[in-house]
Amino acid sequence: MSVINNAKVHFKTKLTDKLEWIEVPEWDNSKIYFKSSANLKQTEEVVALYRDNKIAEALVIVLITRALNEDKSKMFTMGDKFDLMNNVDPDVVTRVATHILNSEPEAEQIAGN
């Protein structure tokens, strides 16, 4: 198997169908589901915003790109960005987005050890 195929198989293993979730009591005990890994396309805008010191906007983009409903559909759209930035408790946005970002699996978890 080629190196690129090995790399793709490794990443596909990280992007399992298993969803993680966080309960948000402030939002009527809503559960926000997400996959524990993200691809480079999903993280590109977040990294650019962070680099430009736009931390709050970066956290909102994490929610928009990674937060899912239980059926794996997107929970938020770019149309929700204004409300997430201006009309939602920033402490909750920060806590949820940080939880998602900190949920990357360790190598041992991926290998099943």
C-alpha atoms as a PDB file:
ATOM      1  CA  MET A   1       0.000   0.000   0.000  1.00  0.00           C
ATOM      2  CA  SER A   2       1.301   3.491  -0.833  1.00  0.00           C
ATOM      3  CA  VAL A   3       2.064   6.096   1.800  1.00  0.00           C
ATOM      4  CA  ILE A   4      -0.903   8.236   0.736  1.00  0.00           C
ATOM      5  CA  ASN A   5      -3.232   5.251   1.053  1.00  0.00           C
ATOM      6  CA  ASN A   6      -1.797   4.465   4.495  1.00  0.00           C
ATOM      7  CA  ALA A   7      -2.350   8.103   5.504  1.00  0.00           C
ATOM      8  CA  LYS A   8      -5.934   8.043   4.238  1.00  0.00           C
ATOM      9  CA  VAL A   9      -6.714   4.798   6.055  1.00  0.00           C
ATOM     10  CA  HIS A  10      -5.247   6.234   9.264  1.00  0.00           C
ATOM     11  CA  PHE A  11      -7.366   9.387   9.001  1.00  0.00           C
ATOM     12  CA  LYS A  12     -10.511   7.467   8.106  1.00  0.00           C
ATOM     13  CA  THR A  13      -9.981   5.455  11.290  1.00  0.00           C
ATOM     14  CA  LYS A  14      -9.936   8.728  13.252  1.00  0.00           C
ATOM     15  CA  LEU A  15     -13.138   9.908  11.561  1.00  0.00           C
ATOM     16  CA  THR A  16     -15.241   7.031  12.789  1.00  0.00           C
ATOM     17  CA  ASP A  17     -19.007   7.161  12.711  1.00  0.00           C
ATOM     18  CA  LYS A  18     -18.980   7.423  16.504  1.00  0.00           C
ATOM     19  CA  LEU A  19     -20.119  10.809  17.700  1.00  0.00           C
ATOM     20  CA  GLU A  20     -18.968  12.454  20.892  1.00  0.00           C
ATOM     21  CA  TRP A  21     -21.312  14.874  22.632  1.00  0.00           C
ATOM     22  CA  ILE A  22     -21.462  17.592  25.227  1.00  0.00           C
ATOM     23  CA  GLU A  23     -24.558  18.514  27.170  1.00  0.00           C
ATOM     24  CA  VAL A  24     -25.306  22.225  27.429  1.00  0.00           C
ATOM     25  CA  PRO A  25     -27.572  22.856  30.419  1.00  0.00           C
ATOM     26  CA  GLU A  26     -27.837  26.565  29.616  1.00  0.00           C
ATOM     27  CA  TRP A  27     -29.479  25.649  26.307  1.00  0.00           C
ATOM     28  CA  ASP A  28     -32.283  23.574  27.861  1.00  0.00           C
ATOM     29  CA  ASN A  29     -29.937  20.574  28.287  1.00  0.00           C
ATOM     30  CA  SER A  30     -29.307  20.389  24.552  1.00  0.00           C
ATOM     31  CA  LYS A  31     -26.752  17.865  23.410  1.00  0.00           C
ATOM     32  CA  ILE A  32     -24.228  19.005  20.849  1.00  0.00           C
ATOM     33  CA  TYR A  33     -22.731  16.122  18.920  1.00  0.00           C
ATOM     34  CA  PHE A  34     -19.408  16.202  17.069  1.00  0.00           C
ATOM     35  CA  LYS A  35     -16.714  13.981  15.645  1.00  0.00           C
ATOM     36  CA  SER A  36     -13.528  14.014  17.671  1.00  0.00           C
ATOM     37  CA  SER A  37     -11.362  14.768  14.625  1.00  0.00           C
ATOM     38  CA  ALA A  38     -11.531  17.382  11.896  1.00  0.00           C
ATOM     39  CA  ASN A  39      -9.954  17.618   8.466  1.00  0.00           C
ATOM     40  CA  LEU A  40      -7.658  20.430   7.350  1.00  0.00           C
ATOM     41  CA  LYS A  41     -10.431  22.168   5.429  1.00  0.00           C
ATOM     42  CA  GLN A  42     -12.517  22.377   8.607  1.00  0.00           C
ATOM     43  CA  THR A  43      -9.631  23.814  10.601  1.00  0.00           C
ATOM     44  CA  GLU A  44      -8.207  26.206   7.990  1.00  0.00           C
ATOM     45  CA  GLU A  45     -10.548  29.112   8.755  1.00  0.00           C
ATOM     46  CA  VAL A  46     -10.238  28.572  12.511  1.00  0.00           C
ATOM     47  CA  VAL A  47      -6.438  28.715  12.323  1.00  0.00           C
ATOM     48  CA  ALA A  48      -6.525  31.840  10.142  1.00  0.00           C
ATOM     49  CA  LEU A  49      -8.871  33.619  12.544  1.00  0.00           C
ATOM     50  CA  TYR A  50      -6.794  32.586  15.539  1.00  0.00           C
ATOM     51  CA  ARG A  51      -3.647  33.842  13.805  1.00  0.00           C
ATOM     52  CA  ASP A  52      -5.418  37.195  13.244  1.00  0.00           C
ATOM     53  CA  ASN A  53      -6.294  37.268  16.969  1.00  0.00           C
ATOM     54  CA  LYS A  54     -10.022  36.843  16.236  1.00  0.00           C
ATOM     55  CA  ILE A  55     -10.455  34.224  18.946  1.00  0.00           C
ATOM     56  CA  ALA A  56     -14.197  34.654  19.522  1.00  0.00           C
ATOM     57  CA  GLU A  57     -14.939  34.336  15.817  1.00  0.00           C
ATOM     58  CA  ALA A  58     -12.681  31.283  15.606  1.00  0.00           C
ATOM     59  CA  LEU A  59     -14.660  29.608  18.401  1.00  0.00           C
ATOM     60  CA  VAL A  60     -17.934  30.370  16.633  1.00  0.00           C
ATOM     61  CA  ILE A  61     -16.566  28.834  13.420  1.00  0.00           C
ATOM     62  CA  VAL A  62     -15.692  25.700  15.416  1.00  0.00           C
ATOM     63  CA  LEU A  63     -19.359  25.417  16.369  1.00  0.00           C
ATOM     64  CA  ILE A  64     -20.580  26.116  12.846  1.00  0.00           C
ATOM     65  CA  THR A  65     -18.251  23.593  11.212  1.00  0.00           C
ATOM     66  CA  ARG A  66     -18.204  20.846  13.855  1.00  0.00           C
ATOM     67  CA  ALA A  67     -21.444  20.900  15.889  1.00  0.00           C
ATOM     68  CA  LEU A  68     -23.917  18.258  14.772  1.00  0.00           C
ATOM     69  CA  ASN A  69     -27.406  17.066  15.580  1.00  0.00           C
ATOM     70  CA  GLU A  70     -27.807  13.454  16.670  1.00  0.00           C
ATOM     71  CA  ASP A  71     -28.642  12.464  13.070  1.00  0.00           C
ATOM     72  CA  LYS A  72     -25.225  13.908  12.014  1.00  0.00           C
ATOM     73  CA  SER A  73     -26.758  16.911  10.249  1.00  0.00           C
ATOM     74  CA  LYS A  74     -25.168  20.315  10.823  1.00  0.00           C
ATOM     75  CA  MET A  75     -26.495  22.038  13.926  1.00  0.00           C
ATOM     76  CA  PHE A  76     -25.527  25.547  12.797  1.00  0.00           C
ATOM     77  CA  THR A  77     -25.038  27.297   9.468  1.00  0.00           C
ATOM     78  CA  MET A  78     -23.042  30.365   8.506  1.00  0.00           C
ATOM     79  CA  GLY A  79     -26.375  32.183   8.748  1.00  0.00           C
ATOM     80  CA  ASP A  80     -26.211  31.587  12.527  1.00  0.00           C
ATOM     81  CA  LYS A  81     -22.815  33.278  12.836  1.00  0.00           C
ATOM     82  CA  PHE A  82     -24.213  36.708  13.728  1.00  0.00           C
ATOM     83  CA  ASP A  83     -26.402  35.320  16.501  1.00  0.00           C
ATOM     84  CA  LEU A  84     -23.616  33.121  17.865  1.00  0.00           C
ATOM     85  CA  MET A  85     -21.277  36.120  17.894  1.00  0.00           C
ATOM     86  CA  ASN A  86     -23.728  38.656  19.360  1.00  0.00           C
ATOM     87  CA  ASN A  87     -26.756  37.027  20.967  1.00  0.00           C
ATOM     88  CA  VAL A  88     -25.425  33.907  22.694  1.00  0.00           C
ATOM     89  CA  ASP A  89     -23.570  33.673  26.011  1.00  0.00           C
ATOM     90  CA  PRO A  90     -19.859  33.854  25.093  1.00  0.00           C
ATOM     91  CA  ASP A  91     -18.905  31.714  28.097  1.00  0.00           C
ATOM     92  CA  VAL A  92     -21.065  28.862  26.801  1.00  0.00           C
ATOM     93  CA  VAL A  93     -19.761  29.229  23.235  1.00  0.00           C
ATOM     94  CA  THR A  94     -16.198  29.195  24.565  1.00  0.00           C
ATOM     95  CA  ARG A  95     -16.793  26.159  26.787  1.00  0.00           C
ATOM     96  CA  VAL A  96     -18.481  24.098  24.063  1.00  0.00           C
ATOM     97  CA  ALA A  97     -16.024  25.022  21.292  1.00  0.00           C
ATOM     98  CA  THR A  98     -13.047  24.383  23.582  1.00  0.00           C
ATOM     99  CA  HIS A  99     -14.486  20.995  24.538  1.00  0.00           C
ATOM    100  CA  ILE A 100     -14.803  20.084  20.863  1.00  0.00           C
ATOM    101  CA  LEU A 101     -11.260  21.232  20.125  1.00  0.00           C
ATOM    102  CA  ASN A 102      -9.835  19.327  23.094  1.00  0.00           C
ATOM    103  CA  SER A 103     -11.530  16.063  22.126  1.00  0.00           C
ATOM    104  CA  GLU A 104      -8.952  14.978  19.553  1.00  0.00           C
ATOM    105  CA  PRO A 105      -8.251  11.280  20.178  1.00  0.00           C
ATOM    106  CA  GLU A 106      -4.871  10.066  21.373  1.00  0.00           C
ATOM    107  CA  ALA A 107      -2.903   7.581  19.247  1.00  0.00           C
ATOM    108  CA  GLU A 108      -3.653   4.813  21.759  1.00  0.00           C
ATOM    109  CA  GLN A 109      -7.392   5.460  21.460  1.00  0.00           C
ATOM    110  CA  ILE A 110      -7.195   5.242  17.687  1.00  0.00           C
ATOM    111  CA  ALA A 111      -5.271   1.985  17.855  1.00  0.00           C
ATOM    112  CA  GLY A 112      -7.826   0.631  20.336  1.00  0.00           C
ATOM    113  CA  ASN A 113      -5.333   0.207  23.166  1.00  0.00           C
END
